[in-house]
Amino acid sequence: MNATHECIDVCNSLLRGELSAIETYGQALEKFENDTERSTLRAIQNDHQHSAARLREHLVDMGAEPATDSGAWGAFAKAVEGTAKMLGESPALAALQQGEEHGVDEYEEALRNKDVMDEIKTVIRQQLLPPLSEHVAALERLRSR
């Protein structure tokens, strides 16, 4: 596998985003008591764990060291989610939805990047990006309850 530094950087950035999502959903789960909401949030968190694992595999296959923390984006996401948690469930769900939409943008940007390997783009299109649209829809359903 002939990976460029740019491809590795993009994959590590995507991995940091997934790690941030995992952390943020962990925080959100502390806020919600309703079983339906908790079940939905836990399922979304599990999807992000799966995506993080896929990205780690690809980074290792490329001979790169996978990111181990969420970095600056994680700190920002924690601050947003922490504020939303203080304000109540609806703002927390809105913050989570905003995070999912940001993730969609990040994956779409990676698909447009000529330095990202075709194999990675296939995984993004088929496995990593589709769940994010489902997450947005699930969060919208929770917000409208």
C-alpha atoms as a PDB file:
ATOM      1  CA  MET A   1       0.000   0.000   0.000  1.00  0.00           C
ATOM      2  CA  ASN A   2       1.610   3.247  -1.152  1.00  0.00           C
ATOM      3  CA  ALA A   3       0.212   5.920   1.148  1.00  0.00           C
ATOM      4  CA  THR A   4       1.187   9.546   1.003  1.00  0.00           C
ATOM      5  CA  HIS A   5       1.786  11.621   4.094  1.00  0.00           C
ATOM      6  CA  GLU A   6      -1.323  13.626   3.142  1.00  0.00           C
ATOM      7  CA  CYS A   7      -3.466  10.478   3.070  1.00  0.00           C
ATOM      8  CA  ILE A   8      -2.137   9.452   6.478  1.00  0.00           C
ATOM      9  CA  ASP A   9      -2.792  12.945   7.859  1.00  0.00           C
ATOM     10  CA  VAL A  10      -6.363  12.921   6.534  1.00  0.00           C
ATOM     11  CA  CYS A  11      -7.052   9.460   7.984  1.00  0.00           C
ATOM     12  CA  ASN A  12      -5.626  10.477  11.368  1.00  0.00           C
ATOM     13  CA  SER A  13      -7.765  13.621  11.316  1.00  0.00           C
ATOM     14  CA  LEU A  14     -10.847  11.503  10.580  1.00  0.00           C
ATOM     15  CA  LEU A  15      -9.827   9.125  13.380  1.00  0.00           C
ATOM     16  CA  ARG A  16      -9.519  12.051  15.820  1.00  0.00           C
ATOM     17  CA  GLY A  17     -13.038  13.090  14.813  1.00  0.00           C
ATOM     18  CA  GLU A  18     -14.335   9.588  15.527  1.00  0.00           C
ATOM     19  CA  LEU A  19     -12.555   9.543  18.903  1.00  0.00           C
ATOM     20  CA  SER A  20     -14.115  12.913  19.697  1.00  0.00           C
ATOM     21  CA  ALA A  21     -17.557  11.558  18.813  1.00  0.00           C
ATOM     22  CA  ILE A  22     -17.045   8.513  21.060  1.00  0.00           C
ATOM     23  CA  GLU A  23     -16.093  10.793  23.974  1.00  0.00           C
ATOM     24  CA  THR A  24     -18.952  13.202  23.325  1.00  0.00           C
ATOM     25  CA  TYR A  25     -21.565  10.447  23.196  1.00  0.00           C
ATOM     26  CA  GLY A  26     -20.134   9.089  26.438  1.00  0.00           C
ATOM     27  CA  GLN A  27     -20.771  12.485  28.022  1.00  0.00           C
ATOM     28  CA  ALA A  28     -24.242  12.717  26.515  1.00  0.00           C
ATOM     29  CA  LEU A  29     -25.226   9.289  27.821  1.00  0.00           C
ATOM     30  CA  GLU A  30     -24.721  10.629  31.352  1.00  0.00           C
ATOM     31  CA  LYS A  31     -27.382  13.282  30.670  1.00  0.00           C
ATOM     32  CA  PHE A  32     -30.215  11.135  29.364  1.00  0.00           C
ATOM     33  CA  GLU A  33     -32.377   8.861  31.478  1.00  0.00           C
ATOM     34  CA  ASN A  34     -34.983   7.771  28.903  1.00  0.00           C
ATOM     35  CA  ASP A  35     -34.215   4.253  27.625  1.00  0.00           C
ATOM     36  CA  THR A  36     -35.126   5.092  24.021  1.00  0.00           C
ATOM     37  CA  GLU A  37     -32.751   8.039  23.949  1.00  0.00           C
ATOM     38  CA  ARG A  38     -29.982   6.145  25.722  1.00  0.00           C
ATOM     39  CA  SER A  39     -30.368   3.202  23.354  1.00  0.00           C
ATOM     40  CA  THR A  40     -30.165   5.455  20.300  1.00  0.00           C
ATOM     41  CA  LEU A  41     -27.146   7.361  21.636  1.00  0.00           C
ATOM     42  CA  ARG A  42     -25.362   4.141  22.602  1.00  0.00           C
ATOM     43  CA  ALA A  43     -25.964   2.704  19.096  1.00  0.00           C
ATOM     44  CA  ILE A  44     -24.518   5.841  17.512  1.00  0.00           C
ATOM     45  CA  GLN A  45     -21.517   5.700  19.847  1.00  0.00           C
ATOM     46  CA  ASN A  46     -20.983   2.050  18.816  1.00  0.00           C
ATOM     47  CA  ASP A  47     -21.023   3.080  15.141  1.00  0.00           C
ATOM     48  CA  HIS A  48     -18.309   5.643  15.870  1.00  0.00           C
ATOM     49  CA  GLN A  49     -16.262   2.978  17.693  1.00  0.00           C
ATOM     50  CA  HIS A  50     -16.533   0.733  14.627  1.00  0.00           C
ATOM     51  CA  SER A  51     -15.495   3.593  12.315  1.00  0.00           C
ATOM     52  CA  ALA A  52     -12.521   4.423  14.544  1.00  0.00           C
ATOM     53  CA  ALA A  53     -11.431   0.767  14.423  1.00  0.00           C
ATOM     54  CA  ARG A  54     -11.657   0.740  10.599  1.00  0.00           C
ATOM     55  CA  LEU A  55      -9.561   3.904  10.345  1.00  0.00           C
ATOM     56  CA  ARG A  56      -6.977   2.492  12.783  1.00  0.00           C
ATOM     57  CA  GLU A  57      -6.708  -0.659  10.635  1.00  0.00           C
ATOM     58  CA  HIS A  58      -6.057   1.391   7.504  1.00  0.00           C
ATOM     59  CA  LEU A  59      -3.480   3.559   9.236  1.00  0.00           C
ATOM     60  CA  VAL A  60      -1.611   0.494  10.488  1.00  0.00           C
ATOM     61  CA  ASP A  61      -1.803  -1.033   6.986  1.00  0.00           C
ATOM     62  CA  MET A  62      -0.210   2.169   5.647  1.00  0.00           C
ATOM     63  CA  GLY A  63       2.607   1.829   8.190  1.00  0.00           C
ATOM     64  CA  ALA A  64       1.403   4.853  10.154  1.00  0.00           C
ATOM     65  CA  GLU A  65       0.848   5.412  13.851  1.00  0.00           C
ATOM     66  CA  PRO A  66      -2.895   5.907  14.527  1.00  0.00           C
ATOM     67  CA  ALA A  67      -3.949   8.899  16.608  1.00  0.00           C
ATOM     68  CA  THR A  68      -4.714   7.955  20.199  1.00  0.00           C
ATOM     69  CA  ASP A  69      -6.745  10.987  21.281  1.00  0.00           C
ATOM     70  CA  SER A  70      -9.258  13.400  19.846  1.00  0.00           C
ATOM     71  CA  GLY A  71      -6.944  16.413  19.922  1.00  0.00           C
ATOM     72  CA  ALA A  72      -8.179  19.991  19.613  1.00  0.00           C
ATOM     73  CA  TRP A  73     -11.496  19.013  18.009  1.00  0.00           C
ATOM     74  CA  GLY A  74     -12.224  16.768  20.983  1.00  0.00           C
ATOM     75  CA  ALA A  75     -11.618  19.598  23.437  1.00  0.00           C
ATOM     76  CA  PHE A  76     -13.949  21.869  21.469  1.00  0.00           C
ATOM     77  CA  ALA A  77     -16.626  19.156  21.185  1.00  0.00           C
ATOM     78  CA  LYS A  78     -16.424  18.508  24.930  1.00  0.00           C
ATOM     79  CA  ALA A  79     -16.898  22.205  25.666  1.00  0.00           C
ATOM     80  CA  VAL A  80     -19.919  22.431  23.351  1.00  0.00           C
ATOM     81  CA  GLU A  81     -21.479  19.264  24.748  1.00  0.00           C
ATOM     82  CA  GLY A  82     -20.759  20.307  28.339  1.00  0.00           C
ATOM     83  CA  THR A  83     -22.555  23.603  27.763  1.00  0.00           C
ATOM     84  CA  ALA A  84     -25.456  21.824  26.069  1.00  0.00           C
ATOM     85  CA  LYS A  85     -25.709  19.360  28.962  1.00  0.00           C
ATOM     86  CA  MET A  86     -26.164  22.233  31.397  1.00  0.00           C
ATOM     87  CA  LEU A  87     -28.957  23.686  29.258  1.00  0.00           C
ATOM     88  CA  GLY A  88     -30.929  20.453  28.869  1.00  0.00           C
ATOM     89  CA  GLU A  89     -31.603  17.556  26.542  1.00  0.00           C
ATOM     90  CA  SER A  90     -32.749  19.447  23.453  1.00  0.00           C
ATOM     91  CA  PRO A  91     -29.581  21.571  23.199  1.00  0.00           C
ATOM     92  CA  ALA A  92     -27.500  18.460  23.868  1.00  0.00           C
ATOM     93  CA  LEU A  93     -29.208  16.649  20.970  1.00  0.00           C
ATOM     94  CA  ALA A  94     -28.724  19.719  18.775  1.00  0.00           C
ATOM     95  CA  ALA A  95     -24.996  19.765  19.640  1.00  0.00           C
ATOM     96  CA  LEU A  96     -24.701  16.056  18.818  1.00  0.00           C
ATOM     97  CA  GLN A  97     -26.480  16.589  15.507  1.00  0.00           C
ATOM     98  CA  GLN A  98     -24.136  19.464  14.687  1.00  0.00           C
ATOM     99  CA  GLY A  99     -21.190  17.175  15.402  1.00  0.00           C
ATOM    100  CA  GLU A 100     -22.577  14.512  13.056  1.00  0.00           C
ATOM    101  CA  GLU A 101     -23.067  17.105  10.319  1.00  0.00           C
ATOM    102  CA  HIS A 102     -19.463  18.250  10.830  1.00  0.00           C
ATOM    103  CA  GLY A 103     -18.382  14.617  10.439  1.00  0.00           C
ATOM    104  CA  VAL A 104     -20.250  14.374   7.130  1.00  0.00           C
ATOM    105  CA  ASP A 105     -18.406  17.486   5.933  1.00  0.00           C
ATOM    106  CA  GLU A 106     -15.043  16.032   6.995  1.00  0.00           C
ATOM    107  CA  TYR A 107     -15.633  12.740   5.155  1.00  0.00           C
ATOM    108  CA  GLU A 108     -16.885  14.545   2.043  1.00  0.00           C
ATOM    109  CA  GLU A 109     -13.777  16.732   2.082  1.00  0.00           C
ATOM    110  CA  ALA A 110     -11.618  13.589   2.285  1.00  0.00           C
ATOM    111  CA  LEU A 111     -13.438  12.177  -0.758  1.00  0.00           C
ATOM    112  CA  ARG A 112     -12.544  15.324  -2.724  1.00  0.00           C
ATOM    113  CA  ASN A 113      -8.871  15.158  -1.682  1.00  0.00           C
ATOM    114  CA  LYS A 114      -6.743  13.806  -4.558  1.00  0.00           C
ATOM    115  CA  ASP A 115      -4.106  12.575  -2.098  1.00  0.00           C
ATOM    116  CA  VAL A 116      -6.491  10.185  -0.325  1.00  0.00           C
ATOM    117  CA  MET A 117      -6.066   6.681  -1.713  1.00  0.00           C
ATOM    118  CA  ASP A 118      -8.922   5.172  -3.710  1.00  0.00           C
ATOM    119  CA  GLU A 119      -9.131   2.236  -1.291  1.00  0.00           C
ATOM    120  CA  ILE A 120      -9.732   4.612   1.607  1.00  0.00           C
ATOM    121  CA  LYS A 121     -12.302   6.557  -0.421  1.00  0.00           C
ATOM    122  CA  THR A 122     -14.202   3.319  -1.075  1.00  0.00           C
ATOM    123  CA  VAL A 123     -14.305   2.563   2.659  1.00  0.00           C
ATOM    124  CA  ILE A 124     -15.475   6.114   3.367  1.00  0.00           C
ATOM    125  CA  ARG A 125     -18.266   5.898   0.758  1.00  0.00           C
ATOM    126  CA  GLN A 126     -19.433   2.399   1.687  1.00  0.00           C
ATOM    127  CA  GLN A 127     -18.841   2.099   5.437  1.00  0.00           C
ATOM    128  CA  LEU A 128     -17.954   5.336   7.218  1.00  0.00           C
ATOM    129  CA  LEU A 129     -20.126   8.043   5.663  1.00  0.00           C
ATOM    130  CA  PRO A 130     -23.537   6.289   5.390  1.00  0.00           C
ATOM    131  CA  PRO A 131     -24.037   5.840   9.161  1.00  0.00           C
ATOM    132  CA  LEU A 132     -23.561   9.579   9.730  1.00  0.00           C
ATOM    133  CA  SER A 133     -26.668  10.395   7.693  1.00  0.00           C
ATOM    134  CA  GLU A 134     -28.560   7.820   9.750  1.00  0.00           C
ATOM    135  CA  HIS A 135     -27.233   9.453  12.932  1.00  0.00           C
ATOM    136  CA  VAL A 136     -28.487  12.886  11.853  1.00  0.00           C
ATOM    137  CA  ALA A 137     -31.930  11.432  11.120  1.00  0.00           C
ATOM    138  CA  ALA A 138     -32.031   9.561  14.456  1.00  0.00           C
ATOM    139  CA  LEU A 139     -31.071  12.700  16.376  1.00  0.00           C
ATOM    140  CA  GLU A 140     -33.717  14.709  14.509  1.00  0.00           C
ATOM    141  CA  ARG A 141     -36.313  12.102  15.532  1.00  0.00           C
ATOM    142  CA  LEU A 142     -35.233  12.358  19.181  1.00  0.00           C
ATOM    143  CA  ARG A 143     -35.361  16.157  19.049  1.00  0.00           C
ATOM    144  CA  SER A 144     -38.900  16.137  17.650  1.00  0.00           C
ATOM    145  CA  ARG A 145     -40.297  13.899  20.425  1.00  0.00           C
END
